[in-house]
Amino acid sequence: MIEWVIIGGILYMGSGDKKTAVTNKDFKRFDPLLKKYASQFGLDFHLMRAICMKESTFGYHPRVARGLAAPSDVEGSKSEDGKSWGVMQVTVPTARDYDTSATAEKLNNPEYCIRIAAQYLAWLSLRFPVTDPRRTEWMIKAYNQGLGNTNKERNGTISKGFANDYFNLVVGFYKQSKEGTI
């Protein structure tokens, strides 16, 4: 089980006696790529950062970190449910909507994964009316649970709860990103 502990303003993660310090500076390592693709696809950079933080802790979550350290270790960046990969935790079927040759191996490359995630978020942004005050909420939830489940929720079906938890975490990380604390 992964533990997160803050001591003296430094975040430590790990399990048991093995803890690794992760500082605010470490969380900026993908900022150039996140800025590049947020700009290219008309997205909010801080939203991209917040999703990256939620999905992989900017690649510092132990499962993802192992894969990033050894790009051929595709299992090392796979999600706990085994359905998504990389720093943005994108599924292969979703990636194939933007690159028919998408593979788990390709998603293990941070730039590739961030670009695909940005394309997907841009596509999701077009699925919800600009006038809908909950548009960003629907985008974030759809990134997590899929468009079909999000549309069911929009039409009155009660969410299973995990999408609300996901949304609330992303919003919290978004605020921290805007404040410069992550």
Protein backbone atom coordinates (compact mmCIF):
# COMPACT_ATOMS: atom_id res chain seq x y z
CA MET A 1 0.00 0.00 0.00
CA ILE A 2 1.31 3.43 -0.96
CA GLU A 3 1.52 6.01 1.78
CA TRP A 4 1.77 9.77 1.38
CA VAL A 5 3.24 11.76 4.26
CA ILE A 6 4.09 15.47 4.48
CA ILE A 7 6.94 16.30 6.84
CA GLY A 8 8.29 19.83 6.98
CA GLY A 9 6.53 20.78 3.74
CA ILE A 10 8.04 17.90 1.77
CA LEU A 11 5.85 15.12 0.41
CA TYR A 12 7.18 11.63 1.00
CA MET A 13 5.69 8.62 -0.73
CA GLY A 14 6.31 4.94 -0.55
CA SER A 15 5.49 1.92 1.53
CA GLY A 16 6.87 0.60 4.79
CA ASP A 17 10.33 2.00 5.52
CA LYS A 18 10.98 2.95 1.88
CA LYS A 19 9.88 6.55 1.41
CA THR A 20 10.99 8.92 -1.32
CA ALA A 21 10.95 12.71 -1.00
CA VAL A 22 9.06 14.42 -3.77
CA THR A 23 9.30 18.21 -3.86
CA ASN A 24 7.34 20.90 -5.66
CA LYS A 25 10.24 21.19 -8.12
CA ASP A 26 9.83 17.51 -9.04
CA PHE A 27 6.20 18.15 -9.93
CA LYS A 28 7.25 20.60 -12.64
CA ARG A 29 9.17 18.10 -14.76
CA PHE A 30 6.40 17.67 -17.33
CA ASP A 31 5.33 21.33 -17.38
CA PRO A 32 6.95 22.08 -20.77
CA LEU A 33 5.03 19.19 -22.37
CA LEU A 34 1.80 19.98 -20.53
CA LYS A 35 2.06 23.64 -21.61
CA LYS A 36 2.89 22.70 -25.20
CA TYR A 37 -0.10 20.39 -25.65
CA ALA A 38 -2.52 22.46 -23.56
CA SER A 39 -1.74 25.40 -25.83
CA GLN A 40 -1.86 23.32 -29.02
CA PHE A 41 -5.30 21.92 -28.18
CA GLY A 42 -6.82 24.99 -26.48
CA LEU A 43 -6.85 23.55 -22.98
CA ASP A 44 -6.17 24.95 -19.54
CA PHE A 45 -2.59 24.08 -18.58
CA HIS A 46 -3.52 23.86 -14.90
CA LEU A 47 -6.30 21.40 -15.70
CA MET A 48 -3.81 19.21 -17.56
CA ARG A 49 -1.42 19.40 -14.56
CA ALA A 50 -4.23 18.55 -12.13
CA ILE A 51 -5.20 15.48 -14.13
CA CYS A 52 -1.55 14.40 -14.42
CA MET A 53 -1.21 14.79 -10.64
CA LYS A 54 -4.32 12.70 -10.01
CA GLU A 55 -3.47 10.02 -12.55
CA SER A 56 0.21 9.42 -11.75
CA THR A 57 1.50 12.05 -9.30
CA PHE A 58 3.50 13.46 -12.25
CA GLY A 59 5.02 10.05 -12.79
CA TYR A 60 6.11 9.63 -9.17
CA HIS A 61 3.44 7.08 -8.25
CA PRO A 62 5.54 3.92 -7.77
CA ARG A 63 3.69 1.94 -10.46
CA VAL A 64 4.21 4.63 -13.09
CA ALA A 65 7.72 5.60 -11.95
CA ARG A 66 8.98 2.08 -12.59
CA GLY A 67 7.71 2.23 -16.17
CA LEU A 68 9.17 5.67 -16.80
CA ALA A 69 12.56 4.57 -15.49
CA ALA A 70 12.59 1.65 -17.92
CA PRO A 71 10.48 2.55 -20.99
CA SER A 72 10.34 -1.07 -22.11
CA ASP A 73 8.72 -1.98 -18.74
CA VAL A 74 5.16 -1.44 -19.90
CA GLU A 75 3.77 -3.24 -16.87
CA GLY A 76 5.55 -0.59 -14.79
CA SER A 77 3.23 2.21 -15.91
CA LYS A 78 -0.03 0.26 -16.00
CA SER A 79 -2.89 1.38 -13.78
CA GLU A 80 -3.98 -0.72 -10.85
CA ASP A 81 -7.00 -1.94 -12.81
CA GLY A 82 -4.76 -2.83 -15.76
CA LYS A 83 -6.63 -0.67 -18.27
CA SER A 84 -4.48 2.45 -18.72
CA TRP A 85 -0.85 3.51 -19.03
CA GLY A 86 1.56 6.40 -18.66
CA VAL A 87 1.65 9.70 -16.83
CA MET A 88 -1.90 10.55 -17.93
CA GLN A 89 -3.20 6.96 -17.56
CA VAL A 90 -4.73 6.70 -21.05
CA THR A 91 -6.33 3.49 -22.30
CA VAL A 92 -5.10 1.95 -25.53
CA PRO A 93 -8.59 2.08 -27.14
CA THR A 94 -8.83 5.81 -26.37
CA ALA A 95 -5.32 6.40 -27.73
CA ARG A 96 -6.27 4.53 -30.93
CA ASP A 97 -8.93 7.16 -31.59
CA TYR A 98 -6.00 9.56 -32.21
CA ASP A 99 -3.30 7.16 -33.41
CA THR A 100 -4.34 3.86 -34.94
CA SER A 101 -0.92 2.41 -34.10
CA ALA A 102 -1.22 3.28 -30.37
CA THR A 103 0.15 0.70 -27.94
CA ALA A 104 0.81 0.44 -24.23
CA GLU A 105 4.50 0.83 -25.08
CA LYS A 106 3.85 4.16 -26.80
CA LEU A 107 1.74 5.37 -23.88
CA ASN A 108 4.72 4.75 -21.63
CA ASN A 109 6.42 7.70 -23.38
CA PRO A 110 5.42 10.86 -21.43
CA GLU A 111 5.24 13.18 -24.44
CA TYR A 112 3.14 10.74 -26.44
CA CYS A 113 0.82 10.09 -23.49
CA ILE A 114 0.39 13.80 -22.72
CA ARG A 115 -0.34 14.59 -26.39
CA ILE A 116 -2.96 11.84 -26.62
CA ALA A 117 -4.54 12.96 -23.33
CA ALA A 118 -4.70 16.56 -24.60
CA GLN A 119 -6.35 15.43 -27.84
CA TYR A 120 -8.88 13.42 -25.86
CA LEU A 121 -9.63 16.30 -23.48
CA ALA A 122 -10.05 18.67 -26.44
CA TRP A 123 -12.48 16.20 -28.01
CA LEU A 124 -14.36 15.87 -24.71
CA SER A 125 -14.60 19.67 -24.42
CA LEU A 126 -16.57 19.70 -27.68
CA ARG A 127 -19.10 17.18 -26.33
CA PHE A 128 -20.56 19.59 -23.76
CA PRO A 129 -22.20 22.96 -24.46
CA VAL A 130 -20.06 26.00 -23.70
CA THR A 131 -23.11 27.46 -21.94
CA ASP A 132 -23.36 24.53 -19.50
CA PRO A 133 -22.07 25.78 -16.12
CA ARG A 134 -20.93 22.23 -15.32
CA ARG A 135 -19.02 21.79 -18.59
CA THR A 136 -15.58 21.45 -16.97
CA GLU A 137 -16.98 19.03 -14.40
CA TRP A 138 -18.40 16.85 -17.19
CA MET A 139 -15.10 16.94 -19.07
CA ILE A 140 -13.14 15.83 -16.02
CA LYS A 141 -15.61 13.10 -15.13
CA ALA A 142 -15.70 11.88 -18.74
CA TYR A 143 -11.90 11.65 -18.75
CA ASN A 144 -12.20 9.31 -15.77
CA GLN A 145 -15.38 7.31 -16.35
CA GLY A 146 -15.96 7.70 -20.07
CA LEU A 147 -18.38 9.83 -22.05
CA GLY A 148 -21.21 7.29 -21.90
CA ASN A 149 -21.28 7.14 -18.11
CA THR A 150 -20.96 10.91 -17.88
CA ASN A 151 -23.90 11.41 -20.24
CA LYS A 152 -25.96 9.02 -18.12
CA GLU A 153 -25.11 11.14 -15.09
CA ARG A 154 -26.01 14.32 -16.97
CA ASN A 155 -29.38 12.74 -17.77
CA GLY A 156 -30.12 11.95 -14.12
CA THR A 157 -28.54 8.58 -13.43
CA ILE A 158 -26.79 8.69 -10.08
CA SER A 159 -23.01 8.50 -10.36
CA LYS A 160 -21.29 5.56 -8.67
CA GLY A 161 -19.36 8.02 -6.53
CA PHE A 162 -15.86 7.40 -7.82
CA ALA A 163 -16.32 10.00 -10.56
CA ASN A 164 -17.32 12.59 -7.94
CA ASP A 165 -14.27 11.70 -5.85
CA TYR A 166 -12.08 11.94 -8.96
CA PHE A 167 -13.57 15.31 -9.88
CA ASN A 168 -13.08 16.71 -6.37
CA LEU A 169 -9.44 15.58 -6.28
CA VAL A 170 -8.74 17.12 -9.70
CA VAL A 171 -10.37 20.40 -8.62
CA GLY A 172 -8.20 20.43 -5.49
CA PHE A 173 -5.06 19.79 -7.54
CA TYR A 174 -6.18 22.46 -10.03
CA LYS A 175 -6.36 25.03 -7.25
CA GLN A 176 -2.94 23.97 -5.95
CA SER A 177 -1.49 24.24 -9.45
CA LYS A 178 -2.90 27.76 -9.89
CA GLU A 179 -1.47 28.72 -6.48
CA GLY A 180 1.91 27.23 -7.38
CA THR A 181 1.93 24.74 -4.51
CA ILE A 182 2.20 21.73 -6.83
